[in-house]
Every structure is written in C-alpha cells, then in structure tokens.
C-alpha cells in the first residue's frame, strides 16, 4: 500500500505522470481505508506519515498486519505475526486472520494462534510433515506416531536379538556336528583321503552358514536402523532434582508505595507483597511497565518513590540473557554457579537438558537461542545456593516449540517464588502459576490464576 499512498501524494502535489495514476488505479480511498483501519485497531494516534522508527515493537507488527490486510493480496505469508503482541492484540490478530478470505501461510510458534489454523505443516529432522488440522490435532497425531515408531523400533530390536540367539545356536550345532564327524572318522580308522574330503565338505558347509548368517545379520541391523530413522531427533529433556526452598509463608519481595519511572500514570503506583512459593504471571498491554517492574524489583532501576525489597537470592533473567557470558562455555559457568557438584554430575545434568558434550564446552554465543536459554536457566536453577525468587522477562520470545516446551518443564521443576512477564497465554498456563498480576487502565491488580 505504501507505493499507492506515495503515488497519490505526488498526484495531489501536481504530478501528471501516467505511472502515478496507474499505481493508484481504483485505490483513491487508500488513505481513508488506512486511517479507518488504524482507528479500528486502536492506533488512531498514527497516520500514514508517522515514521516507522517511532513505533514500538508491538505497534510495528500491528501496522504491518494492517498494511497486509489492505493490500488485496491473493496470498499472505506471515512470519511470527504475534511476536510482541499482548493478549488483547493477539486475540484481535486471530480475529483478523479468521476473516481473511484468501490464501494464508503463518509461520509461528504461538500455539494459541496455531490452534486457529486448518492445516499444520511441521519441519523436523524427518523433513516436512503435513497434518490436516490445527496445532492440538497435530500434537496428538505426532505423539501417536512417535509412540508407534517407538513400538516398531522395540519390535525390530527384539527381532534382532531373537534371531541372533537362534543363529548362535545354529552355529554351535554346526560346530558340534563337525567335531563329532571328525571324531567318528578317526575312530572308524578311515583313510586320510576320506577324512580330508569330509573336512572340506564340513568347512564349505560352515562357510555357507557364516555367509548366510552375516547377510541375515546385516538385514536385521538395517531394519533396526530404518525403524530408528522414523523417530524424530527430539530427545525429551529432564530436570535434575532441585532443592526444597523456603517456606511458603516467608516474604520474598515487598513493594511499598512504589512509583515506577518512565511508565504511564495509570500503572505508575504499585504495592505488592510476594511469598515463598508464589508463582505470578505478569500480563498487560505493551508499554504498561511490565519490564520496568522487574527491573525495579531487582534494583536495576530506582523507583521514583517508595521502597522495593527482595530476598538476597533473587535472580533476574532479561530477554538478552545478560547473566550468560557469551565468551565462556556453559560448563565453566555452571561450575562457577554450583561448586558443590562434580564435573561429571554437571555434564550429566546438562545432557538431560539436551546440551551435549560438544555444546557445553564451546562459547555460549555459538549456541542457538533455545540452547542459550536452557544454559542460562541451568546456571540459575542449579546454583548453590538456589535462587529463592526468579524474575523472568518474556522468556519464551523467539523460541521454537521444542525449546518453549523444554523451558516449561524446567520452570515446572522450580519450586521457589516466580514472577514471569509474558504475553503467551498457553506458556503461562503450563507453569502452574498461583496468581496473575494484571496491568490495566485502573492500575495493578493481583488475582488468583
């Protein structure tokens, strides 16, 4: 649409170039349509002349989507369209896409959004697979296929073991038969020439048996490999047992008459007390100070007024994973955090998070986003002493689905107090939260989850 608006402005400024008129075509109302769409989606404060650099991340995504919707394209390809959108705008996006009348391809790790699609295509180590249904349907079918593949692999392994035992027994019978024939020949005082011929026949028979058994063994190994290759390379992660933390009634954070800086007036004031095993999801519109709240709690930013206190063993993980040194290996950083464990034990714990022996000794900057997040959390959750309060800012942003599910498993295993800022409702639902801290037009409100 941008080229149409630019051409229309040139015409309004006096241009008579045929190319400008061809560009505008029948879209003389493009500016009005854009203005109406911006107003409809809560962006009336913007117009066609607003610089893109002045937009927040969420605003940029929403404006780009509006432009796509107004483009009259035959097919839309959207790459992670719900990133940076809070719950209300995610639901609005879903509504927009459900009313889109033409072709649509959405690349996303947002399970709530994927559940509104009619077909799911997944790229894995096995290649592309298409499922005729939404994400929930895909996940159920994938689990069923994996279970079938596991059963087939176990069946082929049992078949190989059974046939290998049978071949050993057959070879032993052949060897006993050979020995018996040789012994009987000597006892019968047969001529050497007859004994030699008998020995040759026996050796040929044994050679034929060895050849047949080797071919059968290769065939059995091939069947096992084929069955194994039907399994996706997605080893499930597991978390080493974590220590029991403080009692549920112990206060771990207190914000008393705090005024947050650089935030809208409606969410500037907050009073909050958190206790030992409280698990709080922080939600609200973009720009309402969710991240600022965490930075005030950890002491990175001073409040305008009031006091903020947290227990000493409090850890904050921002979206950049600043606690993970990109120049150092994961193993060396985990060793610093947990000096009471042996290197072998730490290697085992990282392996259970699908961080293999090669990945844990290279600079952490070389890891993928999901691997870096697992490494950063391992250094936090396995620290000695373990954190009593964990503050997380949009930890699932930009993660693929296996990494997001791994993150959920890790946080489910953490039993200390947790405060997590996220716009991903499905992710929050997996964390066994106790409360929701909502930033709204009336201020902050803490409700039971």
Protein backbone atom coordinates (compact mmCIF):
# COMPACT_ATOMS: atom_id res chain seq x y z
CA UNK A 1 0.00 0.00 0.00
CA UNK A 2 2.92 2.33 0.62
CA UNK A 3 3.60 2.81 -3.09
CA UNK A 4 -0.08 3.70 -3.66
CA UNK A 5 -0.04 6.33 -0.91
CA UNK A 6 3.19 7.83 -2.24
CA UNK A 7 1.79 8.00 -5.78
CA UNK A 8 -1.43 9.61 -4.50
CA UNK A 9 0.59 12.26 -2.63
CA UNK A 10 2.54 13.05 -5.80
CA UNK A 11 -0.71 13.45 -7.74
CA UNK A 12 -2.09 15.73 -5.04
CA UNK A 13 1.11 17.76 -5.30
CA UNK A 14 0.54 18.25 -9.05
CA UNK A 15 2.07 15.19 -10.70
CA UNK A 16 0.57 14.20 -14.05
CA UNK A 17 2.81 11.18 -14.60
CA UNK A 18 0.80 8.29 -16.10
CA UNK A 19 2.76 5.88 -13.92
CA UNK A 20 1.40 7.54 -10.77
CA UNK A 21 -2.17 7.23 -12.00
CA UNK A 22 -1.58 3.60 -12.98
CA UNK A 23 -0.19 2.92 -9.50
CA UNK A 24 -3.19 4.44 -7.73
CA UNK A 25 -5.69 2.78 -10.07
CA UNK A 26 -9.02 2.47 -8.27
CA UNK A 27 -7.49 2.93 -4.82
CA UNK A 28 -8.18 6.65 -4.36
CA UNK A 29 -9.61 5.88 -0.92
CA UNK A 30 -6.41 4.15 0.28
CA UNK A 31 -5.59 6.85 2.82
CA UNK A 32 -9.11 6.79 4.26
CA UNK A 33 -9.07 2.99 4.45
CA UNK A 34 -5.75 3.11 6.26
CA UNK A 35 -6.99 5.76 8.69
CA UNK A 36 -10.16 3.77 9.42
CA UNK A 37 -8.19 0.55 9.94
CA UNK A 38 -5.73 2.24 12.29
CA UNK A 39 -8.61 3.65 14.33
CA UNK A 40 -10.40 0.30 14.36
CA UNK A 41 -7.31 -1.41 15.78
CA UNK A 42 -6.63 1.19 18.46
CA UNK A 43 -3.90 3.05 16.55
CA UNK A 44 -5.75 6.27 15.76
CA UNK A 45 -2.78 8.26 17.06
CA UNK A 46 -0.82 7.11 13.98
CA UNK A 47 -1.18 8.11 10.35
CA UNK A 48 0.49 7.37 7.02
CA UNK A 49 3.25 9.91 7.70
CA UNK A 50 4.31 8.51 11.09
CA UNK A 51 7.95 7.32 10.86
CA UNK A 52 8.37 3.58 11.39
CA UNK A 53 11.24 4.24 13.82
CA UNK A 54 8.78 5.98 16.15
CA UNK A 55 6.71 2.80 16.58
CA UNK A 56 7.06 0.34 19.44
CA UNK A 57 7.68 -3.31 18.58
CA UNK A 58 4.01 -4.17 19.06
CA UNK A 59 2.83 -1.15 17.06
CA UNK A 60 5.17 -2.02 14.19
CA UNK A 61 3.77 -5.56 14.00
CA UNK A 62 0.17 -4.34 14.06
CA UNK A 63 0.77 -1.65 11.42
CA UNK A 64 2.49 -4.19 9.15
CA UNK A 65 -0.50 -6.52 9.55
CA UNK A 66 -2.93 -3.73 8.69
CA UNK A 67 -0.93 -3.00 5.55
CA UNK A 68 -1.05 -6.68 4.63
CA UNK A 69 -4.79 -6.80 5.12
CA UNK A 70 -5.30 -3.73 2.94
CA UNK A 71 -3.03 -4.97 0.17
CA UNK A 72 -5.71 -7.07 -1.58
CA UNK A 73 -3.08 -9.77 -1.96
CA UNK A 74 -4.13 -13.22 -3.11
CA UNK A 75 -1.90 -14.88 -0.53
CA UNK A 76 -0.42 -13.72 2.77
CA UNK A 77 2.77 -15.16 4.29
CA UNK A 78 3.18 -14.02 7.90
CA UNK A 79 6.36 -14.71 9.88
CA UNK A 80 5.74 -14.79 13.65
CA UNK A 81 2.96 -12.15 13.46
CA UNK A 82 2.04 -12.39 17.16
CA UNK A 83 5.51 -11.57 18.49
CA UNK A 84 5.47 -8.51 20.80
CA UNK A 85 1.65 -8.51 20.97
CA UNK A 86 -0.12 -8.66 24.31
CA UNK A 87 -3.18 -10.84 24.90
CA UNK A 88 -5.83 -8.40 23.63
CA UNK A 89 -3.94 -7.68 20.42
CA UNK A 90 -3.18 -11.38 19.90
CA UNK A 91 -6.89 -12.12 20.06
CA UNK A 92 -7.53 -9.25 17.63
CA UNK A 93 -4.93 -10.71 15.27
CA UNK A 94 -6.60 -14.11 15.44
CA UNK A 95 -9.94 -12.49 14.64
CA UNK A 96 -8.37 -10.62 11.68
CA UNK A 97 -6.88 -13.78 10.24
CA UNK A 98 -10.08 -15.77 10.66
CA UNK A 99 -11.83 -13.16 8.50
CA UNK A 100 -9.08 -13.12 5.84
CA UNK A 101 -10.82 -14.58 2.75
CA UNK A 102 -7.79 -15.64 0.70
CA UNK A 103 -4.70 -17.82 0.98
CA UNK A 104 -2.72 -17.69 4.21
CA UNK A 105 0.54 -19.21 5.43
CA UNK A 106 1.50 -18.43 9.04
CA UNK A 107 4.97 -19.26 10.36
CA UNK A 108 4.62 -19.21 14.13
CA UNK A 109 5.42 -20.85 17.45
CA UNK A 110 2.32 -19.28 19.06
CA UNK A 111 0.20 -22.30 19.98
CA UNK A 112 -2.90 -20.19 20.57
CA UNK A 113 -2.61 -18.80 17.04
CA UNK A 114 -1.73 -22.17 15.51
CA UNK A 115 -4.85 -23.66 17.04
CA UNK A 116 -6.94 -21.47 14.73
CA UNK A 117 -5.34 -22.86 11.55
CA UNK A 118 -6.95 -25.60 9.44
CA UNK A 119 -3.70 -27.35 8.46
CA UNK A 120 -0.36 -27.66 10.25
CA UNK A 121 2.94 -28.27 8.44
CA UNK A 122 5.97 -29.05 10.59
CA UNK A 123 9.64 -29.11 9.60
CA UNK A 124 11.65 -31.61 11.67
CA UNK A 125 14.73 -33.78 11.30
CA UNK A 126 12.49 -36.14 9.31
CA UNK A 127 11.56 -33.43 6.80
CA UNK A 128 8.21 -31.72 6.16
CA UNK A 129 5.07 -33.33 7.52
CA UNK A 130 1.55 -32.09 6.90
CA UNK A 131 -1.36 -32.64 9.29
CA UNK A 132 -4.94 -31.86 8.32
CA UNK A 133 -5.89 -29.93 11.43
CA UNK A 134 -4.85 -27.32 13.99
CA UNK A 135 -1.91 -27.49 16.40
CA UNK A 136 -3.74 -29.54 19.04
CA UNK A 137 -4.71 -32.09 16.39
CA UNK A 138 -1.12 -32.11 15.09
CA UNK A 139 0.35 -32.59 18.58
CA UNK A 140 -1.97 -35.52 19.32
CA UNK A 141 -1.21 -37.20 15.98
CA UNK A 142 2.50 -36.60 16.35
CA UNK A 143 2.50 -38.18 19.81
CA UNK A 144 0.61 -41.17 18.42
CA UNK A 145 3.05 -41.53 15.50
CA UNK A 146 6.02 -41.30 17.84
CA UNK A 147 4.57 -43.98 20.09
CA UNK A 148 4.00 -46.23 17.07
CA UNK A 149 7.57 -45.60 15.87
CA UNK A 150 8.94 -46.44 19.33
CA UNK A 151 6.96 -49.69 19.41
CA UNK A 152 8.22 -50.58 15.92
CA UNK A 153 11.82 -49.87 16.95
CA UNK A 154 11.49 -52.05 20.05
CA UNK A 155 9.91 -54.82 17.96
CA UNK A 156 12.79 -54.73 15.49
CA UNK A 157 15.35 -54.79 18.32
CA UNK A 158 13.64 -57.81 19.90
CA UNK A 159 13.51 -59.50 16.48
CA UNK A 160 17.26 -58.91 16.00
CA UNK A 161 18.06 -60.23 19.47
CA UNK A 162 15.87 -63.33 19.00
CA UNK A 163 17.31 -64.13 15.55
CA UNK A 164 20.86 -63.51 16.76
CA UNK A 165 20.34 -66.07 19.54
CA UNK A 166 18.91 -68.54 17.00
CA UNK A 167 21.91 -68.05 14.69
CA UNK A 168 24.35 -68.60 17.55
CA UNK A 169 22.55 -71.82 18.46
CA UNK A 170 22.61 -72.94 14.82
CA UNK A 171 26.33 -72.18 14.54
CA UNK A 172 27.06 -74.07 17.76
CA UNK A 173 25.10 -77.10 16.47
CA UNK A 174 27.09 -76.97 13.24
CA UNK A 175 30.36 -76.83 15.17
CA UNK A 176 29.35 -79.77 17.36
CA UNK A 177 28.33 -81.75 14.28
CA UNK A 178 31.70 -81.04 12.67
CA UNK A 179 33.61 -82.10 15.75
CA UNK A 180 31.52 -85.24 16.12
CA UNK A 181 32.03 -86.22 12.47
CA UNK A 182 35.78 -85.69 12.70
CA UNK A 183 35.98 -87.73 15.88
CA UNK A 184 33.91 -90.57 14.44
CA UNK A 185 36.03 -90.66 11.29
CA UNK A 186 39.19 -91.09 13.29
CA UNK A 187 37.61 -93.72 15.50
CA UNK A 188 36.46 -95.63 12.37
CA UNK A 189 40.09 -95.57 11.10
CA UNK A 190 39.02 -94.05 7.76
CA UNK A 191 41.60 -93.31 5.08
CA UNK A 192 43.17 -89.85 5.16
CA UNK A 193 41.72 -89.00 1.75
CA UNK A 194 38.21 -89.69 3.01
CA UNK A 195 38.85 -87.66 6.14
CA UNK A 196 40.15 -84.74 4.05
CA UNK A 197 37.07 -84.81 1.80
CA UNK A 198 34.81 -84.92 4.82
CA UNK A 199 36.73 -81.96 6.33
CA UNK A 200 36.34 -79.96 3.09
CA UNK A 201 32.58 -80.60 2.98
CA UNK A 202 32.29 -79.59 6.60
CA UNK A 203 34.26 -76.38 6.06
CA UNK A 204 32.19 -75.50 2.97
CA UNK A 205 29.01 -76.04 4.95
CA UNK A 206 30.33 -73.88 7.80
CA UNK A 207 31.39 -71.17 5.35
CA UNK A 208 27.97 -71.17 3.71
CA UNK A 209 26.33 -70.89 7.12
CA UNK A 210 28.60 -67.96 8.10
CA UNK A 211 27.78 -66.16 4.84
CA UNK A 212 24.05 -66.70 5.29
CA UNK A 213 24.17 -65.57 8.90
CA UNK A 214 26.21 -62.45 8.04
CA UNK A 215 23.64 -61.49 5.39
CA UNK A 216 20.79 -62.13 7.84
CA UNK A 217 22.54 -60.01 10.49
CA UNK A 218 23.01 -57.13 8.03
CA UNK A 219 19.32 -57.32 7.15
CA UNK A 220 18.32 -57.26 10.83
CA UNK A 221 20.62 -54.28 11.51
CA UNK A 222 19.14 -52.46 8.51
CA UNK A 223 15.60 -53.00 9.81
CA UNK A 224 16.57 -51.57 13.21
CA UNK A 225 18.23 -48.53 11.58
CA UNK A 226 15.18 -47.93 9.38
CA UNK A 227 12.93 -48.05 12.43
CA UNK A 228 15.22 -45.67 14.34
CA UNK A 229 15.25 -43.21 11.43
CA UNK A 230 11.47 -42.93 11.65
CA UNK A 231 11.90 -41.36 15.09
CA UNK A 232 12.34 -37.61 15.17
CA UNK A 233 15.58 -36.41 16.73
CA UNK A 234 13.94 -34.63 19.67
CA UNK A 235 15.20 -36.23 22.85
CA UNK A 236 12.94 -35.25 25.77
CA UNK A 237 14.60 -33.11 28.43
CA UNK A 238 14.51 -33.78 32.15
CA UNK A 239 15.46 -31.69 35.14
CA UNK A 240 17.70 -32.94 37.93
CA UNK A 241 16.01 -32.87 41.34
CA UNK A 242 16.08 -29.33 42.74
CA UNK A 243 16.46 -28.45 46.42
CA UNK A 244 13.43 -27.68 48.58
CA UNK A 245 13.31 -23.93 49.09
CA UNK A 246 11.87 -21.63 51.73
CA UNK A 247 8.54 -22.00 53.45
CA UNK A 248 5.51 -20.72 51.59
CA UNK A 249 4.77 -18.07 54.24
CA UNK A 250 8.17 -16.37 54.05
CA UNK A 251 8.08 -12.96 52.36
CA UNK A 252 10.49 -12.76 49.42
CA UNK A 253 9.57 -9.38 47.92
CA UNK A 254 7.80 -6.22 49.08
CA UNK A 255 7.00 -3.08 47.12
CA UNK A 256 5.68 -0.38 49.46
CA UNK A 257 4.06 2.70 47.88
CA UNK A 258 6.36 2.33 44.86
CA UNK A 259 6.15 4.73 41.92
CA UNK A 260 7.61 3.24 38.76
CA UNK A 261 9.62 5.54 36.45
CA UNK A 262 9.05 6.03 32.71
CA UNK A 263 5.60 4.43 32.69
CA UNK A 264 2.03 5.64 32.09
CA UNK A 265 0.33 7.29 35.05
CA UNK A 266 -2.26 4.52 35.37
CA UNK A 267 0.39 1.86 36.15
CA UNK A 268 2.88 4.06 37.99
CA UNK A 269 1.80 3.19 41.55
CA UNK A 270 2.07 -0.29 42.99
CA UNK A 271 2.01 -2.03 46.38
CA UNK A 272 2.92 -5.69 46.28
CA UNK A 273 3.99 -8.47 48.65
CA UNK A 274 5.16 -11.88 47.43
CA UNK A 275 5.72 -15.00 49.49
CA UNK A 276 7.84 -18.16 49.42
CA UNK A 277 6.24 -20.30 46.73
CA UNK A 278 4.04 -17.81 44.96
CA UNK A 279 4.19 -18.09 41.16
CA UNK A 280 2.95 -14.94 39.43
CA UNK A 281 2.32 -14.24 35.75
CA UNK A 282 2.54 -10.54 34.85
CA UNK A 283 0.32 -9.53 31.93
CA UNK A 284 -0.94 -6.34 30.37
CA UNK A 285 -0.70 -4.14 27.27
CA UNK A 286 2.63 -3.28 25.63
CA UNK A 287 4.29 -0.25 27.20
CA UNK A 288 2.46 -0.61 30.52
CA UNK A 289 5.73 -1.07 32.51
CA UNK A 290 5.90 -4.87 32.98
CA UNK A 291 9.65 -4.95 32.32
CA UNK A 292 10.21 -1.81 34.38
CA UNK A 293 8.52 -3.51 37.33
CA UNK A 294 11.02 -6.38 37.25
CA UNK A 295 13.99 -4.00 36.95
CA UNK A 296 12.79 -2.04 39.99
CA UNK A 297 12.35 -5.27 41.95
CA UNK A 298 15.91 -6.44 41.18
CA UNK A 299 17.36 -2.97 41.83
CA UNK A 300 18.48 -2.14 38.29
CA UNK A 301 16.22 0.94 38.32
CA UNK A 302 15.36 3.08 41.34
CA UNK A 303 11.68 3.87 41.98
CA UNK A 304 10.53 7.49 41.90
CA UNK A 305 9.13 6.98 45.38
CA UNK A 306 8.56 4.19 47.89
CA UNK A 307 10.73 1.20 48.72
CA UNK A 308 11.38 -2.09 46.96
CA UNK A 309 12.93 -5.05 48.82
CA UNK A 310 13.65 -8.62 47.72
CA UNK A 311 15.49 -11.50 49.37
CA UNK A 312 19.24 -11.68 48.63
CA UNK A 313 19.00 -14.80 46.48
CA UNK A 314 16.97 -13.16 43.72
CA UNK A 315 17.84 -13.69 40.06
CA UNK A 316 16.62 -11.69 37.06
CA UNK A 317 16.78 -13.03 33.50
CA UNK A 318 16.10 -10.47 30.80
CA UNK A 319 15.41 -11.24 27.15
CA UNK A 320 19.11 -10.81 26.30
CA UNK A 321 20.19 -13.39 28.96
CA UNK A 322 22.74 -10.97 30.36
CA UNK A 323 23.74 -13.44 33.11
CA UNK A 324 25.25 -15.77 30.48
CA UNK A 325 28.77 -14.77 29.40
CA UNK A 326 28.85 -15.26 25.59
CA UNK A 327 32.63 -15.75 25.60
CA UNK A 328 32.63 -18.61 28.12
CA UNK A 329 31.40 -22.18 27.91
CA UNK A 330 28.22 -23.34 29.59
CA UNK A 331 30.11 -25.95 31.59
CA UNK A 332 32.59 -23.46 33.08
CA UNK A 333 29.79 -21.07 34.05
CA UNK A 334 27.75 -23.85 35.65
CA UNK A 335 30.83 -24.98 37.57
CA UNK A 336 31.16 -21.45 38.99
CA UNK A 337 27.48 -21.44 39.98
CA UNK A 338 27.46 -24.92 41.53
CA UNK A 339 30.81 -25.69 43.14
CA UNK A 340 29.38 -28.48 45.29
CA UNK A 341 28.81 -30.79 42.30
CA UNK A 342 31.41 -32.76 40.34
CA UNK A 343 32.09 -32.06 36.68
CA UNK A 344 30.66 -35.46 35.76
CA UNK A 345 27.43 -34.65 37.59
CA UNK A 346 27.12 -31.26 35.89
CA UNK A 347 27.77 -32.81 32.49
CA UNK A 348 25.01 -35.33 33.18
CA UNK A 349 22.57 -32.58 34.19
CA UNK A 350 23.31 -30.61 31.01
CA UNK A 351 22.96 -33.75 28.89
CA UNK A 352 19.48 -34.25 30.36
CA UNK A 353 18.67 -30.76 29.01
CA UNK A 354 19.81 -31.92 25.54
CA UNK A 355 23.05 -29.95 25.81
CA UNK A 356 25.61 -32.49 24.66
CA UNK A 357 29.32 -32.73 25.40
CA UNK A 358 30.26 -30.65 22.36
CA UNK A 359 27.84 -27.81 23.02
CA UNK A 360 28.78 -27.29 26.66
CA UNK A 361 32.48 -26.60 26.03
CA UNK A 362 32.20 -24.02 23.22
CA UNK A 363 31.50 -20.30 23.82
CA UNK A 364 27.83 -19.93 24.71
CA UNK A 365 27.46 -17.29 21.97
CA UNK A 366 27.67 -20.15 19.43
CA UNK A 367 24.52 -21.82 20.79
CA UNK A 368 21.01 -21.36 19.43
CA UNK A 369 18.54 -19.12 21.24
CA UNK A 370 16.77 -22.07 22.84
CA UNK A 371 20.06 -23.67 23.88
CA UNK A 372 21.31 -20.42 25.41
CA UNK A 373 18.09 -20.06 27.40
CA UNK A 374 18.37 -23.61 28.74
CA UNK A 375 22.00 -22.96 29.63
CA UNK A 376 21.17 -19.67 31.39
CA UNK A 377 18.38 -21.32 33.37
CA UNK A 378 20.60 -24.29 34.27
CA UNK A 379 23.15 -21.86 35.75
CA UNK A 380 20.30 -20.32 37.77
CA UNK A 381 18.31 -23.38 38.84
CA UNK A 382 21.35 -25.50 39.70
CA UNK A 383 23.16 -22.66 41.51
CA UNK A 384 24.39 -23.26 45.03
CA UNK A 385 22.53 -21.74 46.81
CA UNK A 386 19.46 -21.90 44.56
CA UNK A 387 17.55 -18.64 43.97
CA UNK A 388 14.58 -18.02 46.24
CA UNK A 389 12.98 -15.60 43.75
CA UNK A 390 13.24 -15.84 39.98
CA UNK A 391 12.23 -12.90 37.75
CA UNK A 392 11.80 -13.64 34.02
CA UNK A 393 11.07 -11.15 31.24
CA UNK A 394 9.40 -12.71 28.16
CA UNK A 395 11.49 -15.91 28.37
CA UNK A 396 9.61 -17.71 25.57
CA UNK A 397 10.01 -14.95 22.96
CA UNK A 398 11.52 -16.23 19.69
CA UNK A 399 11.76 -19.83 20.92
CA UNK A 400 10.78 -22.73 18.72
CA UNK A 401 8.15 -25.06 20.14
CA UNK A 402 10.54 -27.77 21.44
CA UNK A 403 12.58 -25.09 23.23
CA UNK A 404 9.44 -23.49 24.68
CA UNK A 405 8.27 -26.88 25.94
CA UNK A 406 11.72 -27.52 27.44
CA UNK A 407 11.51 -24.16 29.19
CA UNK A 408 8.10 -25.09 30.60
CA UNK A 409 9.49 -28.35 32.01
CA UNK A 410 12.40 -26.52 33.65
CA UNK A 411 10.17 -23.90 35.26
CA UNK A 412 7.67 -26.53 36.42
CA UNK A 413 10.52 -28.13 38.35
CA UNK A 414 11.50 -24.86 40.07
CA UNK A 415 9.67 -24.58 43.39
CA UNK A 416 10.77 -21.14 44.54
CA UNK A 417 8.90 -17.88 44.05
CA UNK A 418 8.49 -16.98 40.39
CA UNK A 419 7.49 -13.77 38.61
CA UNK A 420 7.29 -14.09 34.82
CA UNK A 421 6.30 -11.41 32.31
CA UNK A 422 4.77 -12.95 29.19
CA UNK A 423 2.10 -12.37 26.55
CA UNK A 424 1.92 -16.08 25.72
CA UNK A 425 -1.17 -17.40 27.48
CA UNK A 426 -0.52 -21.04 26.60
CA UNK A 427 3.01 -20.78 28.01
CA UNK A 428 1.75 -19.18 31.23
CA UNK A 429 -0.92 -21.87 31.64
CA UNK A 430 1.82 -24.55 31.65
CA UNK A 431 3.76 -23.01 34.55
CA UNK A 432 1.42 -23.94 37.43
CA UNK A 433 1.06 -20.28 38.39
CA UNK A 434 -0.78 -19.23 41.52
CA UNK A 435 -1.56 -15.60 40.65
CA UNK A 436 -1.89 -13.13 37.79
CA UNK A 437 -0.60 -9.55 38.21
CA UNK A 438 -2.53 -7.54 35.65
CA UNK A 439 -1.68 -4.03 34.47
CA UNK A 440 -4.94 -2.39 33.45
CA UNK A 441 -6.49 1.03 32.98
CA UNK A 442 -7.29 1.04 36.69
CA UNK A 443 -3.76 0.21 37.79
CA UNK A 444 -2.22 -3.04 39.03
CA UNK A 445 -4.40 -5.91 40.23
CA UNK A 446 -3.30 -9.24 41.74
CA UNK A 447 -5.79 -12.06 41.18
CA UNK A 448 -5.69 -15.83 41.69
CA UNK A 449 -4.74 -17.62 38.49
